[in-house]
C-alpha atoms as a PDB file:
ATOM      1  CA  MET A   1       5.251 -19.243  -0.442  1.00  0.00           C
ATOM      2  CA  THR A   2       5.147 -15.862  -2.179  1.00  0.00           C
ATOM      3  CA  LEU A   3       7.976 -14.450  -4.270  1.00  0.00           C
ATOM      4  CA  TYR A   4       8.218 -11.762  -1.585  1.00  0.00           C
ATOM      5  CA  ASP A   5       9.028 -14.436   0.993  1.00  0.00           C
ATOM      6  CA  ALA A   6      11.199 -16.449  -1.401  1.00  0.00           C
ATOM      7  CA  VAL A   7      13.568 -13.534  -1.985  1.00  0.00           C
ATOM      8  CA  GLY A   8      13.780 -12.389   1.627  1.00  0.00           C
ATOM      9  CA  GLY A   9      11.058  -9.743   1.919  1.00  0.00           C
ATOM     10  CA  ALA A  10      11.421  -5.995   2.225  1.00  0.00           C
ATOM     11  CA  PRO A  11      15.174  -5.796   3.009  1.00  0.00           C
ATOM     12  CA  ALA A  12      16.069  -7.919  -0.017  1.00  0.00           C
ATOM     13  CA  LEU A  13      13.813  -5.921  -2.332  1.00  0.00           C
ATOM     14  CA  LEU A  14      15.298  -2.665  -1.062  1.00  0.00           C
ATOM     15  CA  ALA A  15      18.770  -3.983  -1.893  1.00  0.00           C
ATOM     16  CA  LEU A  16      17.485  -5.017  -5.333  1.00  0.00           C
ATOM     17  CA  ALA A  17      15.915  -1.604  -5.949  1.00  0.00           C
ATOM     18  CA  ALA A  18      19.125   0.199  -4.940  1.00  0.00           C
ATOM     19  CA  ASP A  19      21.309  -1.983  -7.166  1.00  0.00           C
ATOM     20  CA  PHE A  20      18.859  -1.732 -10.053  1.00  0.00           C
ATOM     21  CA  HIS A  21      18.659   2.061  -9.752  1.00  0.00           C
ATOM     22  CA  ALA A  22      22.459   2.343  -9.768  1.00  0.00           C
ATOM     23  CA  ARG A  23      22.676   0.120 -12.858  1.00  0.00           C
ATOM     24  CA  CYS A  24      20.091   2.240 -14.663  1.00  0.00           C
ATOM     25  CA  LEU A  25      22.036   5.407 -13.846  1.00  0.00           C
ATOM     26  CA  ALA A  26      25.149   3.768 -15.308  1.00  0.00           C
ATOM     27  CA  ASP A  27      23.375   2.831 -18.564  1.00  0.00           C
ATOM     28  CA  PRO A  28      23.795   5.443 -21.339  1.00  0.00           C
ATOM     29  CA  VAL A  29      20.139   5.172 -22.423  1.00  0.00           C
ATOM     30  CA  LEU A  30      18.438   4.591 -19.068  1.00  0.00           C
ATOM     31  CA  GLU A  31      20.509   7.252 -17.328  1.00  0.00           C
ATOM     32  CA  HIS A  32      18.467  10.094 -18.778  1.00  0.00           C
ATOM     33  CA  PRO A  33      15.050   9.150 -17.363  1.00  0.00           C
ATOM     34  CA  PHE A  34      16.571   7.898 -14.102  1.00  0.00           C
ATOM     35  CA  SER A  35      18.667  11.016 -13.552  1.00  0.00           C
ATOM     36  CA  HIS A  36      15.471  13.088 -13.564  1.00  0.00           C
ATOM     37  CA  THR A  37      14.053  11.184 -10.605  1.00  0.00           C
ATOM     38  CA  THR A  38      14.063  13.945  -8.031  1.00  0.00           C
ATOM     39  CA  ASN A  39      12.208  12.024  -5.336  1.00  0.00           C
ATOM     40  CA  PRO A  40      14.706  10.978  -2.662  1.00  0.00           C
ATOM     41  CA  GLU A  41      12.335   8.127  -1.755  1.00  0.00           C
ATOM     42  CA  HIS A  42      12.374   6.645  -5.272  1.00  0.00           C
ATOM     43  CA  VAL A  43      14.385   3.541  -4.392  1.00  0.00           C
ATOM     44  CA  GLN A  44      12.246   2.800  -1.323  1.00  0.00           C
ATOM     45  CA  ARG A  45       9.032   3.302  -3.286  1.00  0.00           C
ATOM     46  CA  LEU A  46      10.301   0.999  -6.018  1.00  0.00           C
ATOM     47  CA  ALA A  47      11.046  -1.662  -3.393  1.00  0.00           C
ATOM     48  CA  ASP A  48       7.601  -1.142  -1.846  1.00  0.00           C
ATOM     49  CA  TYR A  49       5.912  -1.515  -5.224  1.00  0.00           C
ATOM     50  CA  TRP A  50       7.795  -4.698  -6.088  1.00  0.00           C
ATOM     51  CA  GLY A  51       7.091  -6.036  -2.611  1.00  0.00           C
ATOM     52  CA  GLU A  52       3.365  -5.618  -3.145  1.00  0.00           C
ATOM     53  CA  VAL A  53       3.520  -7.177  -6.615  1.00  0.00           C
ATOM     54  CA  PHE A  54       5.408 -10.185  -5.265  1.00  0.00           C
ATOM     55  CA  GLY A  55       2.929 -10.872  -2.477  1.00  0.00           C
ATOM     56  CA  GLY A  56       4.064  -8.595   0.326  1.00  0.00           C
ATOM     57  CA  PRO A  57       2.052  -5.970   2.175  1.00  0.00           C
ATOM     58  CA  PRO A  58       0.128  -3.291   0.217  1.00  0.00           C
ATOM     59  CA  VAL A  59       2.518  -0.488   1.172  1.00  0.00           C
ATOM     60  CA  TYR A  60       2.580   1.112  -2.269  1.00  0.00           C
ATOM     61  CA  SER A  61      -1.181   1.054  -2.742  1.00  0.00           C
ATOM     62  CA  THR A  62      -1.826   2.399   0.737  1.00  0.00           C
ATOM     63  CA  ALA A  63       0.747   5.179   0.647  1.00  0.00           C
ATOM     64  CA  TYR A  64       1.244   6.085  -3.010  1.00  0.00           C
ATOM     65  CA  GLY A  65      -1.924   5.388  -4.993  1.00  0.00           C
ATOM     66  CA  GLY A  66      -1.393   1.927  -6.401  1.00  0.00           C
ATOM     67  CA  HIS A  67      -0.902   0.682  -9.915  1.00  0.00           C
ATOM     68  CA  SER A  68      -2.627   3.512 -11.774  1.00  0.00           C
ATOM     69  CA  ALA A  69      -0.470   6.037  -9.935  1.00  0.00           C
ATOM     70  CA  MET A  70       2.704   4.120 -10.817  1.00  0.00           C
ATOM     71  CA  LEU A  71       1.706   3.895 -14.476  1.00  0.00           C
ATOM     72  CA  GLY A  72       0.829   7.587 -14.451  1.00  0.00           C
ATOM     73  CA  LEU A  73       4.366   8.451 -13.348  1.00  0.00           C
ATOM     74  CA  HIS A  74       5.720   6.674 -16.405  1.00  0.00           C
ATOM     75  CA  ALA A  75       3.086   7.677 -18.971  1.00  0.00           C
ATOM     76  CA  ASN A  76       3.585  10.196 -21.766  1.00  0.00           C
ATOM     77  CA  GLN A  77       7.360   9.935 -21.707  1.00  0.00           C
ATOM     78  CA  GLY A  78       7.869   9.096 -25.376  1.00  0.00           C
ATOM     79  CA  ALA A  79      10.410   6.431 -24.403  1.00  0.00           C
ATOM     80  CA  GLU A  80      12.641   4.871 -27.015  1.00  0.00           C
ATOM     81  CA  ASP A  81      11.737   1.347 -28.133  1.00  0.00           C
ATOM     82  CA  ASP A  82      14.961  -0.205 -26.801  1.00  0.00           C
ATOM     83  CA  LEU A  83      14.421   1.272 -23.346  1.00  0.00           C
ATOM     84  CA  GLY A  84      12.340  -1.739 -22.282  1.00  0.00           C
ATOM     85  CA  ASP A  85      14.971  -4.311 -23.227  1.00  0.00           C
ATOM     86  CA  ARG A  86      17.669  -2.340 -21.442  1.00  0.00           C
ATOM     87  CA  PHE A  87      15.450  -1.982 -18.378  1.00  0.00           C
ATOM     88  CA  VAL A  88      14.849  -5.744 -18.195  1.00  0.00           C
ATOM     89  CA  ALA A  89      18.560  -6.455 -18.685  1.00  0.00           C
ATOM     90  CA  CYS A  90      19.458  -4.101 -15.814  1.00  0.00           C
ATOM     91  CA  PHE A  91      16.850  -5.762 -13.621  1.00  0.00           C
ATOM     92  CA  ALA A  92      18.159  -9.272 -14.361  1.00  0.00           C
ATOM     93  CA  ALA A  93      21.720  -8.096 -13.681  1.00  0.00           C
ATOM     94  CA  ALA A  94      20.600  -6.551 -10.382  1.00  0.00           C
ATOM     95  CA  VAL A  95      18.820  -9.781  -9.339  1.00  0.00           C
ATOM     96  CA  ASP A  96      22.109 -11.596  -9.909  1.00  0.00           C
ATOM     97  CA  GLY A  97      24.236  -8.782  -8.483  1.00  0.00           C
ATOM     98  CA  VAL A  98      22.545  -8.801  -5.080  1.00  0.00           C
ATOM     99  CA  ARG A  99      22.251 -12.600  -5.158  1.00  0.00           C
ATOM    100  CA  LEU A 100      18.511 -12.293  -4.617  1.00  0.00           C
ATOM    101  CA  THR A 101      17.917 -15.983  -5.234  1.00  0.00           C
ATOM    102  CA  SER A 102      19.735 -19.165  -6.113  1.00  0.00           C
ATOM    103  CA  ASP A 103      16.502 -20.785  -7.297  1.00  0.00           C
ATOM    104  CA  PRO A 104      16.289 -20.675 -11.110  1.00  0.00           C
ATOM    105  CA  ALA A 105      12.465 -20.803 -11.022  1.00  0.00           C
ATOM    106  CA  VAL A 106      12.288 -17.777  -8.727  1.00  0.00           C
ATOM    107  CA  ARG A 107      14.782 -15.873 -10.869  1.00  0.00           C
ATOM    108  CA  ALA A 108      12.835 -16.749 -14.015  1.00  0.00           C
ATOM    109  CA  ALA A 109       9.574 -15.578 -12.417  1.00  0.00           C
ATOM    110  CA  LEU A 110      11.139 -12.255 -11.370  1.00  0.00           C
ATOM    111  CA  VAL A 111      12.556 -11.585 -14.837  1.00  0.00           C
ATOM    112  CA  ALA A 112       9.298 -12.656 -16.494  1.00  0.00           C
ATOM    113  CA  TYR A 113       7.460 -10.177 -14.292  1.00  0.00           C
ATOM    114  CA  MET A 114       9.802  -7.367 -15.277  1.00  0.00           C
ATOM    115  CA  ARG A 115       9.382  -8.168 -18.982  1.00  0.00           C
ATOM    116  CA  TRP A 116       5.584  -8.120 -18.585  1.00  0.00           C
ATOM    117  CA  ALA A 117       5.650  -4.945 -16.464  1.00  0.00           C
ATOM    118  CA  THR A 118       8.002  -3.143 -18.821  1.00  0.00           C
ATOM    119  CA  ASP A 119       5.811  -4.026 -21.787  1.00  0.00           C
ATOM    120  CA  GLU A 120       2.780  -2.672 -19.919  1.00  0.00           C
ATOM    121  CA  VAL A 121       4.537   0.574 -18.970  1.00  0.00           C
ATOM    122  CA  MET A 122       5.736   1.055 -22.542  1.00  0.00           C
ATOM    123  CA  THR A 123       2.129   0.910 -23.815  1.00  0.00           C
ATOM    124  CA  TYR A 124       1.511   4.150 -21.899  1.00  0.00           C
ATOM    125  CA  SER A 125       4.730   5.824 -23.017  1.00  0.00           C
ATOM    126  CA  PRO A 126       3.444   7.543 -26.190  1.00  0.00           C
ATOM    127  CA  MET A 127       2.452  11.159 -25.728  1.00  0.00           C
ATOM    128  CA  GLY A 128      -1.285  11.503 -25.160  1.00  0.00           C
ATOM    129  CA  SER A 129      -1.642   8.138 -23.416  1.00  0.00           C
ATOM    130  CA  ARG A 130      -4.222   7.900 -20.652  1.00  0.00           C
ATOM    131  CA  VAL A 131      -3.905   5.563 -17.694  1.00  0.00           C
ATOM    132  CA  PRO A 132      -7.231   4.220 -16.402  1.00  0.00           C
ATOM    133  CA  ALA A 133      -7.966   5.049 -12.777  1.00  0.00           C
ATOM    134  CA  GLY A 134      -8.247   2.377 -10.130  1.00  0.00           C
ATOM    135  CA  LEU A 135      -6.127  -0.360 -11.691  1.00  0.00           C
ATOM    136  CA  PRO A 136      -5.190  -2.961  -9.070  1.00  0.00           C
ATOM    137  CA  VAL A 137      -1.556  -3.705  -8.388  1.00  0.00           C
ATOM    138  CA  PRO A 138      -0.778  -6.905 -10.278  1.00  0.00           C
ATOM    139  CA  ARG A 139       0.235  -9.934  -8.259  1.00  0.00           C
ATOM    140  CA  TRP A 140       2.999 -12.130  -9.596  1.00  0.00           C
ATOM    141  CA  ASP A 141       4.117 -15.561  -8.423  1.00  0.00           C
ATOM    142  CA  LEU A 142       5.956 -18.567  -9.824  1.00  0.00           C
ATOM    143  CA  ASP A 143       3.047 -19.165 -12.194  1.00  0.00           C
ATOM    144  CA  GLY A 144       2.981 -15.591 -13.482  1.00  0.00           C
ATOM    145  CA  LEU A 145       0.305 -12.909 -13.313  1.00  0.00           C
ATOM    146  CA  HIS A 146      -2.671 -13.153 -10.993  1.00  0.00           C
ATOM    147  CA  ARG A 147      -5.066 -10.189 -11.003  1.00  0.00           C
END
């Protein structure tokens, strides 16, 4: 079973993305980058991306350019060092807030993914960073990263 299936698929990930986004807007540090998200489809795209990462259909890659495109949206932001920790904390709180899973192993895998993903995104945050083209969307399961 994929993490996508374990958490309830697209509807559950959309609920997670909406809760997570709201928590980020409420955070005094995360609010700034999240308040500049002008795309009204941001929450849906976030859910689509996570769905693909967790073993669901390749909606994000098909419609929005895949992993390199996602990293490109976040590159060259000059983010503060504590942004990553706050981001992961908001994600973990959102997982619990929407009651995404009662399985501790699934919860741990989700949070481990977000820590890994946040660390990766932060490597492209310094000004002048270049994201390689054609990076595949990572796949994450109970055992971690599978590329």
